[in-house]
C-alpha atoms as a PDB file:
ATOM      1  CA  MET A   1      20.377 -37.868  44.837  1.00  0.00           C
ATOM      2  CA  GLY A   2      21.753 -34.524  45.906  1.00  0.00           C
ATOM      3  CA  ARG A   3      20.602 -32.069  48.591  1.00  0.00           C
ATOM      4  CA  PRO A   4      18.223 -34.386  50.512  1.00  0.00           C
ATOM      5  CA  VAL A   5      15.710 -33.017  52.998  1.00  0.00           C
ATOM      6  CA  ASP A   6      13.337 -34.959  55.253  1.00  0.00           C
ATOM      7  CA  MET A   7      10.228 -33.116  56.419  1.00  0.00           C
ATOM      8  CA  THR A   8       7.809 -34.131  59.157  1.00  0.00           C
ATOM      9  CA  VAL A   9       4.520 -32.483  60.117  1.00  0.00           C
ATOM     10  CA  ASN A  10       3.528 -32.887  63.760  1.00  0.00           C
ATOM     11  CA  ASN A  11      -0.179 -32.063  63.763  1.00  0.00           C
ATOM     12  CA  PHE A  12      -1.411 -31.125  67.249  1.00  0.00           C
ATOM     13  CA  THR A  13      -4.553 -29.328  65.995  1.00  0.00           C
ATOM     14  CA  GLY A  14      -6.858 -32.273  66.669  1.00  0.00           C
ATOM     15  CA  LYS A  15      -8.038 -32.078  63.047  1.00  0.00           C
ATOM     16  CA  THR A  16      -7.103 -34.399  60.186  1.00  0.00           C
ATOM     17  CA  LEU A  17      -5.258 -32.600  57.371  1.00  0.00           C
ATOM     18  CA  ILE A  18      -6.042 -33.540  53.756  1.00  0.00           C
ATOM     19  CA  LEU A  19      -3.535 -32.900  50.926  1.00  0.00           C
ATOM     20  CA  ILE A  20      -5.063 -30.499  48.385  1.00  0.00           C
ATOM     21  CA  GLY A  21      -2.039 -29.457  46.325  1.00  0.00           C
ATOM     22  CA  ILE A  22       1.648 -29.913  45.576  1.00  0.00           C
ATOM     23  CA  ASP A  23       3.927 -27.509  43.702  1.00  0.00           C
ATOM     24  CA  VAL A  24       7.474 -28.631  42.929  1.00  0.00           C
ATOM     25  CA  GLU A  25       9.731 -26.068  41.258  1.00  0.00           C
ATOM     26  CA  HIS A  26      12.773 -28.343  41.212  1.00  0.00           C
ATOM     27  CA  GLY A  27      13.863 -31.597  42.733  1.00  0.00           C
ATOM     28  CA  LYS A  28      11.717 -34.663  43.208  1.00  0.00           C
ATOM     29  CA  PHE A  29      10.137 -36.603  46.027  1.00  0.00           C
ATOM     30  CA  THR A  30      11.935 -39.634  47.319  1.00  0.00           C
ATOM     31  CA  GLU A  31       8.862 -40.103  49.540  1.00  0.00           C
ATOM     32  CA  ALA A  32       5.696 -38.216  48.528  1.00  0.00           C
ATOM     33  CA  PRO A  33       3.720 -36.039  50.956  1.00  0.00           C
ATOM     34  CA  PRO A  34       1.006 -38.144  52.608  1.00  0.00           C
ATOM     35  CA  LYS A  35      -2.601 -37.790  51.441  1.00  0.00           C
ATOM     36  CA  GLU A  36      -3.671 -37.148  55.021  1.00  0.00           C
ATOM     37  CA  ILE A  37      -2.004 -36.214  58.291  1.00  0.00           C
ATOM     38  CA  ILE A  38      -3.803 -37.293  61.425  1.00  0.00           C
ATOM     39  CA  PHE A  39      -1.034 -36.769  63.965  1.00  0.00           C
ATOM     40  CA  SER A  40       2.491 -37.057  62.549  1.00  0.00           C
ATOM     41  CA  GLN A  41       3.510 -37.863  58.962  1.00  0.00           C
ATOM     42  CA  ALA A  42       6.679 -37.338  56.932  1.00  0.00           C
ATOM     43  CA  TRP A  43       7.905 -36.923  53.372  1.00  0.00           C
ATOM     44  CA  ALA A  44      11.304 -36.495  51.756  1.00  0.00           C
ATOM     45  CA  CYS A  45      12.730 -34.906  48.641  1.00  0.00           C
ATOM     46  CA  ALA A  46      16.061 -34.349  46.927  1.00  0.00           C
ATOM     47  CA  SER A  47      17.445 -32.880  43.733  1.00  0.00           C
ATOM     48  CA  LYS A  48      19.068 -34.806  40.937  1.00  0.00           C
ATOM     49  CA  SER A  49      22.742 -35.233  41.668  1.00  0.00           C
ATOM     50  CA  ASP A  50      23.718 -33.667  38.311  1.00  0.00           C
ATOM     51  CA  THR A  51      21.970 -30.319  38.949  1.00  0.00           C
ATOM     52  CA  MET A  52      23.284 -27.241  40.710  1.00  0.00           C
ATOM     53  CA  MET A  53      20.090 -26.563  42.706  1.00  0.00           C
ATOM     54  CA  GLY A  54      18.357 -28.101  45.669  1.00  0.00           C
ATOM     55  CA  PRO A  55      14.733 -29.133  46.023  1.00  0.00           C
ATOM     56  CA  LYS A  56      12.144 -26.356  46.189  1.00  0.00           C
ATOM     57  CA  GLY A  57       8.382 -26.549  46.435  1.00  0.00           C
ATOM     58  CA  SER A  58       5.304 -26.617  48.623  1.00  0.00           C
ATOM     59  CA  ALA A  59       2.525 -28.890  49.850  1.00  0.00           C
ATOM     60  CA  THR A  60      -0.871 -27.477  50.831  1.00  0.00           C
ATOM     61  CA  TYR A  61      -3.256 -29.159  53.253  1.00  0.00           C
ATOM     62  CA  ALA A  62      -6.780 -28.338  54.427  1.00  0.00           C
ATOM     63  CA  ALA A  63      -8.401 -29.370  57.675  1.00  0.00           C
ATOM     64  CA  GLN A  64     -10.948 -32.091  56.966  1.00  0.00           C
ATOM     65  CA  ASP A  65     -13.689 -29.802  58.302  1.00  0.00           C
ATOM     66  CA  ARG A  66     -12.364 -27.009  56.000  1.00  0.00           C
ATOM     67  CA  SER A  67     -11.788 -24.663  58.955  1.00  0.00           C
ATOM     68  CA  PHE A  68      -8.265 -23.808  57.759  1.00  0.00           C
ATOM     69  CA  GLN A  69      -5.616 -24.418  55.118  1.00  0.00           C
ATOM     70  CA  VAL A  70      -1.867 -24.460  55.598  1.00  0.00           C
ATOM     71  CA  GLU A  71       0.999 -24.449  53.120  1.00  0.00           C
ATOM     72  CA  PHE A  72       4.398 -25.966  53.930  1.00  0.00           C
ATOM     73  CA  SER A  73       7.226 -24.592  51.755  1.00  0.00           C
ATOM     74  CA  TRP A  74      10.833 -25.643  51.353  1.00  0.00           C
ATOM     75  CA  ASP A  75      13.873 -24.359  49.468  1.00  0.00           C
ATOM     76  CA  HIS A  76      17.004 -26.360  50.285  1.00  0.00           C
ATOM     77  CA  ALA A  77      19.390 -24.087  48.428  1.00  0.00           C
ATOM     78  CA  TYR A  78      22.542 -25.340  46.739  1.00  0.00           C
ATOM     79  CA  GLY A  79      26.001 -24.208  47.844  1.00  0.00           C
ATOM     80  CA  SER A  80      26.469 -21.688  50.637  1.00  0.00           C
ATOM     81  CA  SER A  81      23.017 -20.112  50.277  1.00  0.00           C
ATOM     82  CA  SER A  82      20.721 -20.439  53.293  1.00  0.00           C
ATOM     83  CA  SER A  83      17.882 -22.913  53.051  1.00  0.00           C
ATOM     84  CA  THR A  84      14.404 -21.649  53.931  1.00  0.00           C
ATOM     85  CA  TYR A  85      11.319 -23.389  55.281  1.00  0.00           C
ATOM     86  CA  GLN A  86       7.948 -21.715  55.853  1.00  0.00           C
ATOM     87  CA  VAL A  87       4.465 -22.420  57.154  1.00  0.00           C
ATOM     88  CA  SER A  88       1.676 -20.235  55.762  1.00  0.00           C
ATOM     89  CA  PRO A  89      -1.742 -20.670  57.404  1.00  0.00           C
ATOM     90  CA  ARG A  90      -4.677 -19.468  55.297  1.00  0.00           C
ATOM     91  CA  SER A  91      -7.975 -19.320  57.107  1.00  0.00           C
ATOM     92  CA  ASN A  92     -10.484 -17.636  59.342  1.00  0.00           C
ATOM     93  CA  GLU A  93      -9.375 -19.947  62.154  1.00  0.00           C
ATOM     94  CA  SER A  94      -5.699 -19.436  62.843  1.00  0.00           C
ATOM     95  CA  VAL A  95      -3.215 -22.087  63.835  1.00  0.00           C
ATOM     96  CA  LEU A  96       0.074 -21.613  65.604  1.00  0.00           C
ATOM     97  CA  TYR A  97       3.206 -23.150  64.165  1.00  0.00           C
ATOM     98  CA  ASP A  98       6.863 -23.730  64.822  1.00  0.00           C
ATOM     99  CA  ILE A  99       9.667 -24.980  62.589  1.00  0.00           C
ATOM    100  CA  LYS A 100      12.457 -27.034  64.125  1.00  0.00           C
ATOM    101  CA  GLY A 101      15.358 -28.975  62.727  1.00  0.00           C
ATOM    102  CA  VAL A 102      18.781 -28.907  61.176  1.00  0.00           C
ATOM    103  CA  PHE A 103      18.894 -25.943  58.783  1.00  0.00           C
ATOM    104  CA  THR A 104      22.528 -26.229  57.720  1.00  0.00           C
ATOM    105  CA  GLY A 105      24.537 -28.786  55.838  1.00  0.00           C
ATOM    106  CA  HIS A 106      23.973 -31.042  52.873  1.00  0.00           C
ATOM    107  CA  LYS A 107      21.258 -33.268  54.406  1.00  0.00           C
ATOM    108  CA  GLN A 108      18.575 -31.458  56.385  1.00  0.00           C
ATOM    109  CA  SER A 109      15.788 -32.734  58.620  1.00  0.00           C
ATOM    110  CA  ILE A 110      12.874 -30.391  59.359  1.00  0.00           C
ATOM    111  CA  GLN A 111       9.862 -30.636  61.658  1.00  0.00           C
ATOM    112  CA  PHE A 112       6.809 -28.454  61.090  1.00  0.00           C
ATOM    113  CA  GLN A 113       4.674 -28.253  64.257  1.00  0.00           C
ATOM    114  CA  LEU A 114       1.011 -27.172  64.089  1.00  0.00           C
ATOM    115  CA  MET A 115      -0.925 -26.265  67.236  1.00  0.00           C
ATOM    116  CA  PRO A 116      -4.417 -24.882  67.902  1.00  0.00           C
ATOM    117  CA  VAL A 117      -4.769 -21.252  68.957  1.00  0.00           C
END
């Protein structure tokens, strides 16, 4: 597999997150996003080694009490292009977030952190 990326969600909101959608533009999961995130869960993806693009997609979760939704997006670009990772909260109740990790190089490891307001 080419262009691997490991992603971890550290959920400090005190609310269980339930997977409600996945959108993969290219690449495939080597470990699928978990169906629920109570505190900390991870997934991984990569592109086929014979393609000239890295994995790109998103996973959307909703709080079990439906107070908020959040989308985690990734685009581990091929070549010298910069990779991008985003968190997009969608709700009446906001959450704070941070993205940490290694954003350069062939193999990347990213941590999405969610915190209550």
